[in-house]
Amino acid sequence: MSYALLSDFKAVLRNVDGTSASDAAYQNALDSAEAAVAKFIGFNPSDEFETVPPAILSACYILAAVEVDALDVPTEQQRRGRAESLLRPYRRETGFTATGEAA
């Protein structure tokens, strides 16, 4: 089940197109962001927490916004970095070092 709600995501966006076509794009971005969050931290937050922590929700909304906004590369990288910094405390040991070698 999705923990990032479309209505909440639209509330954090600055410019929202209220058409159903844009809602489908926003939902797709949210679904993609939830998958990216789960991959980064190593688990699905909705399976682990009764209430998903605000930092994880914020990171999800940041990643979704990156997908729907037309951004220059430095801004996109900055936002992705911010999302990762919010997620890092929840990240499980991946078994790999920073260089990609097995730990």
N, C-alpha and C. Protein backbone atom coordinates (compact mmCIF):
# COMPACT_ATOMS: atom_id res chain seq x y z
N MET A 1 0.83 -1.18 0.00
CA MET A 1 0.00 0.00 0.00
C MET A 1 0.88 1.25 0.00
N SER A 2 0.46 2.22 -0.74
CA SER A 2 1.20 3.46 -0.86
C SER A 2 1.10 4.27 0.44
N TYR A 3 2.23 4.77 0.88
CA TYR A 3 2.23 5.61 2.09
C TYR A 3 2.32 7.09 1.72
N ALA A 4 2.76 7.39 0.52
CA ALA A 4 2.84 8.78 0.06
C ALA A 4 1.55 9.09 -0.70
N LEU A 5 0.79 10.01 -0.17
CA LEU A 5 -0.52 10.31 -0.73
C LEU A 5 -0.46 11.40 -1.80
N LEU A 6 -1.22 11.20 -2.86
CA LEU A 6 -1.26 12.16 -3.95
C LEU A 6 -1.71 13.53 -3.45
N SER A 7 -2.72 13.57 -2.61
CA SER A 7 -3.21 14.86 -2.11
C SER A 7 -2.13 15.60 -1.32
N ASP A 8 -1.34 14.87 -0.52
CA ASP A 8 -0.26 15.49 0.23
C ASP A 8 0.86 15.97 -0.69
N PHE A 9 1.17 15.16 -1.70
CA PHE A 9 2.20 15.53 -2.66
C PHE A 9 1.82 16.80 -3.41
N LYS A 10 0.57 16.87 -3.84
CA LYS A 10 0.12 18.06 -4.56
C LYS A 10 0.16 19.29 -3.66
N ALA A 11 -0.02 19.10 -2.37
CA ALA A 11 0.03 20.22 -1.43
C ALA A 11 1.45 20.78 -1.29
N VAL A 12 2.47 19.95 -1.49
CA VAL A 12 3.83 20.44 -1.36
C VAL A 12 4.38 21.01 -2.67
N LEU A 13 3.71 20.72 -3.78
CA LEU A 13 4.15 21.28 -5.06
C LEU A 13 3.75 22.74 -5.15
N ARG A 14 4.55 23.52 -5.83
CA ARG A 14 4.24 24.95 -5.96
C ARG A 14 3.23 25.20 -7.07
N ASN A 15 3.42 24.59 -8.21
CA ASN A 15 2.52 24.78 -9.36
C ASN A 15 1.85 23.46 -9.67
N VAL A 16 0.57 23.39 -9.43
CA VAL A 16 -0.15 22.13 -9.61
C VAL A 16 -1.19 22.29 -10.70
N ASP A 17 -1.10 21.40 -11.69
CA ASP A 17 -2.11 21.32 -12.74
C ASP A 17 -3.18 20.37 -12.23
N GLY A 18 -4.41 20.80 -12.15
CA GLY A 18 -5.46 20.01 -11.54
C GLY A 18 -6.15 19.01 -12.44
N THR A 19 -5.58 18.71 -13.60
CA THR A 19 -6.23 17.78 -14.52
C THR A 19 -5.98 16.34 -14.10
N SER A 20 -6.86 15.46 -14.54
CA SER A 20 -6.68 14.04 -14.21
C SER A 20 -5.44 13.47 -14.89
N ALA A 21 -5.07 14.03 -16.06
CA ALA A 21 -3.85 13.57 -16.73
C ALA A 21 -2.63 13.89 -15.88
N SER A 22 -2.60 15.07 -15.26
CA SER A 22 -1.47 15.42 -14.41
C SER A 22 -1.49 14.59 -13.13
N ASP A 23 -2.69 14.27 -12.63
CA ASP A 23 -2.78 13.41 -11.44
C ASP A 23 -2.14 12.06 -11.72
N ALA A 24 -2.33 11.52 -12.91
CA ALA A 24 -1.73 10.24 -13.27
C ALA A 24 -0.21 10.36 -13.29
N ALA A 25 0.30 11.46 -13.82
CA ALA A 25 1.75 11.68 -13.85
C ALA A 25 2.30 11.85 -12.43
N TYR A 26 1.57 12.59 -11.60
CA TYR A 26 2.00 12.78 -10.21
C TYR A 26 2.01 11.45 -9.47
N GLN A 27 0.99 10.62 -9.67
CA GLN A 27 0.94 9.33 -9.00
C GLN A 27 2.07 8.43 -9.48
N ASN A 28 2.36 8.48 -10.76
CA ASN A 28 3.47 7.70 -11.30
C ASN A 28 4.79 8.14 -10.66
N ALA A 29 4.97 9.45 -10.51
CA ALA A 29 6.18 9.97 -9.87
C ALA A 29 6.27 9.51 -8.42
N LEU A 30 5.13 9.51 -7.71
CA LEU A 30 5.11 9.03 -6.32
C LEU A 30 5.46 7.55 -6.24
N ASP A 31 4.88 6.76 -7.13
CA ASP A 31 5.17 5.32 -7.13
C ASP A 31 6.66 5.07 -7.38
N SER A 32 7.22 5.81 -8.32
CA SER A 32 8.64 5.68 -8.63
C SER A 32 9.49 6.11 -7.44
N ALA A 33 9.09 7.20 -6.79
CA ALA A 33 9.84 7.68 -5.62
C ALA A 33 9.77 6.69 -4.47
N GLU A 34 8.62 6.09 -4.25
CA GLU A 34 8.51 5.07 -3.19
C GLU A 34 9.43 3.90 -3.47
N ALA A 35 9.52 3.49 -4.72
CA ALA A 35 10.42 2.39 -5.09
C ALA A 35 11.88 2.79 -4.86
N ALA A 36 12.22 4.03 -5.20
CA ALA A 36 13.59 4.52 -4.99
C ALA A 36 13.93 4.58 -3.51
N VAL A 37 12.99 5.01 -2.70
CA VAL A 37 13.19 5.07 -1.25
C VAL A 37 13.45 3.66 -0.71
N ALA A 38 12.60 2.71 -1.09
CA ALA A 38 12.75 1.33 -0.61
C ALA A 38 14.10 0.75 -1.04
N LYS A 39 14.51 1.04 -2.26
CA LYS A 39 15.80 0.53 -2.75
C LYS A 39 16.95 1.14 -1.96
N PHE A 40 16.88 2.44 -1.69
CA PHE A 40 17.97 3.12 -0.99
C PHE A 40 18.09 2.65 0.46
N ILE A 41 16.96 2.54 1.16
CA ILE A 41 17.04 2.18 2.58
C ILE A 41 17.04 0.67 2.81
N GLY A 42 16.65 -0.10 1.81
CA GLY A 42 16.72 -1.55 1.91
C GLY A 42 15.47 -2.23 2.43
N PHE A 43 14.37 -1.50 2.54
CA PHE A 43 13.10 -2.09 2.98
C PHE A 43 11.96 -1.15 2.63
N ASN A 44 10.75 -1.69 2.66
CA ASN A 44 9.56 -0.87 2.40
C ASN A 44 9.12 -0.25 3.72
N PRO A 45 9.13 1.07 3.83
CA PRO A 45 8.78 1.71 5.10
C PRO A 45 7.38 1.37 5.61
N SER A 46 6.43 1.18 4.72
CA SER A 46 5.07 0.87 5.18
C SER A 46 4.98 -0.51 5.79
N ASP A 47 5.95 -1.38 5.49
CA ASP A 47 5.99 -2.71 6.11
C ASP A 47 6.65 -2.67 7.49
N GLU A 48 7.49 -1.69 7.74
CA GLU A 48 8.29 -1.63 8.96
C GLU A 48 7.74 -0.69 10.03
N PHE A 49 7.03 0.33 9.59
CA PHE A 49 6.56 1.34 10.54
C PHE A 49 5.04 1.41 10.53
N GLU A 50 4.47 1.56 11.69
CA GLU A 50 3.02 1.77 11.77
C GLU A 50 2.66 3.10 11.13
N THR A 51 3.47 4.11 11.42
CA THR A 51 3.34 5.43 10.79
C THR A 51 4.70 5.75 10.17
N VAL A 52 4.73 5.96 8.87
CA VAL A 52 5.99 6.24 8.19
C VAL A 52 6.56 7.56 8.71
N PRO A 53 7.84 7.56 9.12
CA PRO A 53 8.45 8.77 9.67
C PRO A 53 8.39 9.95 8.68
N PRO A 54 8.21 11.15 9.21
CA PRO A 54 8.13 12.33 8.35
C PRO A 54 9.34 12.51 7.44
N ALA A 55 10.53 12.16 7.90
CA ALA A 55 11.72 12.32 7.06
C ALA A 55 11.64 11.44 5.82
N ILE A 56 11.12 10.23 5.97
CA ILE A 56 10.97 9.34 4.82
C ILE A 56 9.92 9.89 3.86
N LEU A 57 8.81 10.39 4.41
CA LEU A 57 7.79 11.00 3.56
C LEU A 57 8.35 12.20 2.80
N SER A 58 9.08 13.05 3.50
CA SER A 58 9.67 14.23 2.85
C SER A 58 10.62 13.82 1.73
N ALA A 59 11.45 12.82 1.99
CA ALA A 59 12.37 12.35 0.96
C ALA A 59 11.60 11.82 -0.25
N CYS A 60 10.52 11.11 0.00
CA CYS A 60 9.70 10.58 -1.09
C CYS A 60 9.12 11.72 -1.92
N TYR A 61 8.60 12.75 -1.26
CA TYR A 61 8.02 13.88 -1.98
C TYR A 61 9.09 14.66 -2.75
N ILE A 62 10.29 14.77 -2.18
CA ILE A 62 11.38 15.44 -2.89
C ILE A 62 11.72 14.67 -4.16
N LEU A 63 11.87 13.35 -4.05
CA LEU A 63 12.21 12.54 -5.22
C LEU A 63 11.10 12.58 -6.27
N ALA A 64 9.86 12.58 -5.84
CA ALA A 64 8.75 12.66 -6.79
C ALA A 64 8.75 14.02 -7.49
N ALA A 65 9.03 15.07 -6.74
CA ALA A 65 9.06 16.41 -7.33
C ALA A 65 10.18 16.53 -8.37
N VAL A 66 11.30 15.86 -8.12
CA VAL A 66 12.38 15.86 -9.10
C VAL A 66 11.90 15.28 -10.42
N GLU A 67 11.05 14.27 -10.35
CA GLU A 67 10.54 13.64 -11.56
C GLU A 67 9.56 14.51 -12.33
N VAL A 68 8.78 15.32 -11.63
CA VAL A 68 7.75 16.11 -12.33
C VAL A 68 8.22 17.52 -12.67
N ASP A 69 9.28 18.00 -12.02
CA ASP A 69 9.79 19.34 -12.30
C ASP A 69 10.85 19.28 -13.40
N ALA A 70 10.88 20.29 -14.23
CA ALA A 70 11.95 20.43 -15.22
C ALA A 70 13.09 21.18 -14.52
N LEU A 71 14.13 20.45 -14.17
CA LEU A 71 15.22 21.02 -13.39
C LEU A 71 16.54 20.94 -14.14
N ASP A 72 17.43 21.88 -13.85
CA ASP A 72 18.78 21.75 -14.37
C ASP A 72 19.48 20.67 -13.54
N VAL A 73 20.53 20.11 -14.10
CA VAL A 73 21.21 18.97 -13.46
C VAL A 73 21.72 19.29 -12.06
N PRO A 74 22.38 20.43 -11.82
CA PRO A 74 22.85 20.70 -10.45
C PRO A 74 21.71 20.76 -9.43
N THR A 75 20.58 21.36 -9.80
CA THR A 75 19.45 21.43 -8.87
C THR A 75 18.88 20.05 -8.61
N GLU A 76 18.77 19.25 -9.66
CA GLU A 76 18.28 17.88 -9.49
C GLU A 76 19.19 17.09 -8.57
N GLN A 77 20.50 17.20 -8.77
CA GLN A 77 21.45 16.48 -7.92
C GLN A 77 21.38 16.96 -6.47
N GLN A 78 21.19 18.26 -6.29
CA GLN A 78 21.08 18.82 -4.95
C GLN A 78 19.85 18.25 -4.24
N ARG A 79 18.73 18.20 -4.94
CA ARG A 79 17.51 17.67 -4.33
C ARG A 79 17.62 16.18 -4.03
N ARG A 80 18.21 15.43 -4.95
CA ARG A 80 18.41 14.00 -4.69
C ARG A 80 19.33 13.80 -3.48
N GLY A 81 20.35 14.62 -3.36
CA GLY A 81 21.25 14.56 -2.22
C GLY A 81 20.52 14.87 -0.91
N ARG A 82 19.63 15.83 -0.94
CA ARG A 82 18.84 16.16 0.25
C ARG A 82 17.96 14.98 0.64
N ALA A 83 17.32 14.35 -0.35
CA ALA A 83 16.48 13.19 -0.05
C ALA A 83 17.32 12.07 0.56
N GLU A 84 18.49 11.82 0.00
CA GLU A 84 19.36 10.77 0.54
C GLU A 84 19.80 11.09 1.97
N SER A 85 20.06 12.36 2.25
CA SER A 85 20.48 12.71 3.62
C SER A 85 19.34 12.48 4.62
N LEU A 86 18.09 12.67 4.17
CA LEU A 86 16.95 12.38 5.05
C LEU A 86 16.78 10.88 5.26
N LEU A 87 17.14 10.10 4.25
CA LEU A 87 16.94 8.65 4.31
C LEU A 87 18.10 7.91 4.99
N ARG A 88 19.28 8.49 4.97
CA ARG A 88 20.47 7.79 5.46
C ARG A 88 20.32 7.20 6.87
N PRO A 89 19.69 7.89 7.83
CA PRO A 89 19.55 7.29 9.17
C PRO A 89 18.71 6.01 9.19
N TYR A 90 17.89 5.81 8.19
CA TYR A 90 17.03 4.62 8.14
C TYR A 90 17.62 3.50 7.31
N ARG A 91 18.72 3.77 6.65
CA ARG A 91 19.31 2.81 5.71
C ARG A 91 19.87 1.60 6.44
N ARG A 92 19.53 0.44 5.94
CA ARG A 92 20.07 -0.80 6.49
C ARG A 92 21.42 -1.08 5.86
N GLU A 93 22.22 -1.84 6.55
CA GLU A 93 23.52 -2.24 6.03
C GLU A 93 23.32 -2.98 4.72
N THR A 94 23.98 -2.50 3.69
CA THR A 94 23.81 -3.12 2.37
C THR A 94 24.79 -4.24 2.11
N GLY A 95 25.86 -4.31 2.91
CA GLY A 95 26.85 -5.35 2.69
C GLY A 95 27.94 -4.92 1.71
N PHE A 96 27.88 -3.67 1.26
CA PHE A 96 28.88 -3.15 0.34
C PHE A 96 29.49 -1.88 0.92
N THR A 97 30.75 -1.68 0.63
CA THR A 97 31.42 -0.45 1.07
C THR A 97 31.10 0.66 0.08
N ALA A 98 31.56 1.85 0.37
CA ALA A 98 31.31 2.99 -0.50
C ALA A 98 31.91 2.79 -1.89
N THR A 99 32.93 1.95 -2.00
CA THR A 99 33.55 1.70 -3.31
C THR A 99 32.82 0.60 -4.09
N GLY A 100 31.83 -0.01 -3.48
CA GLY A 100 31.08 -1.06 -4.16
C GLY A 100 31.62 -2.45 -3.93
N GLU A 101 32.66 -2.59 -3.11
CA GLU A 101 33.21 -3.90 -2.81
C GLU A 101 32.45 -4.52 -1.65
N ALA A 102 32.40 -5.83 -1.65
CA ALA A 102 31.72 -6.54 -0.57
C ALA A 102 32.42 -6.25 0.75
N ALA A 103 31.61 -6.05 1.77
CA ALA A 103 32.15 -5.73 3.11
C ALA A 103 32.64 -6.98 3.80
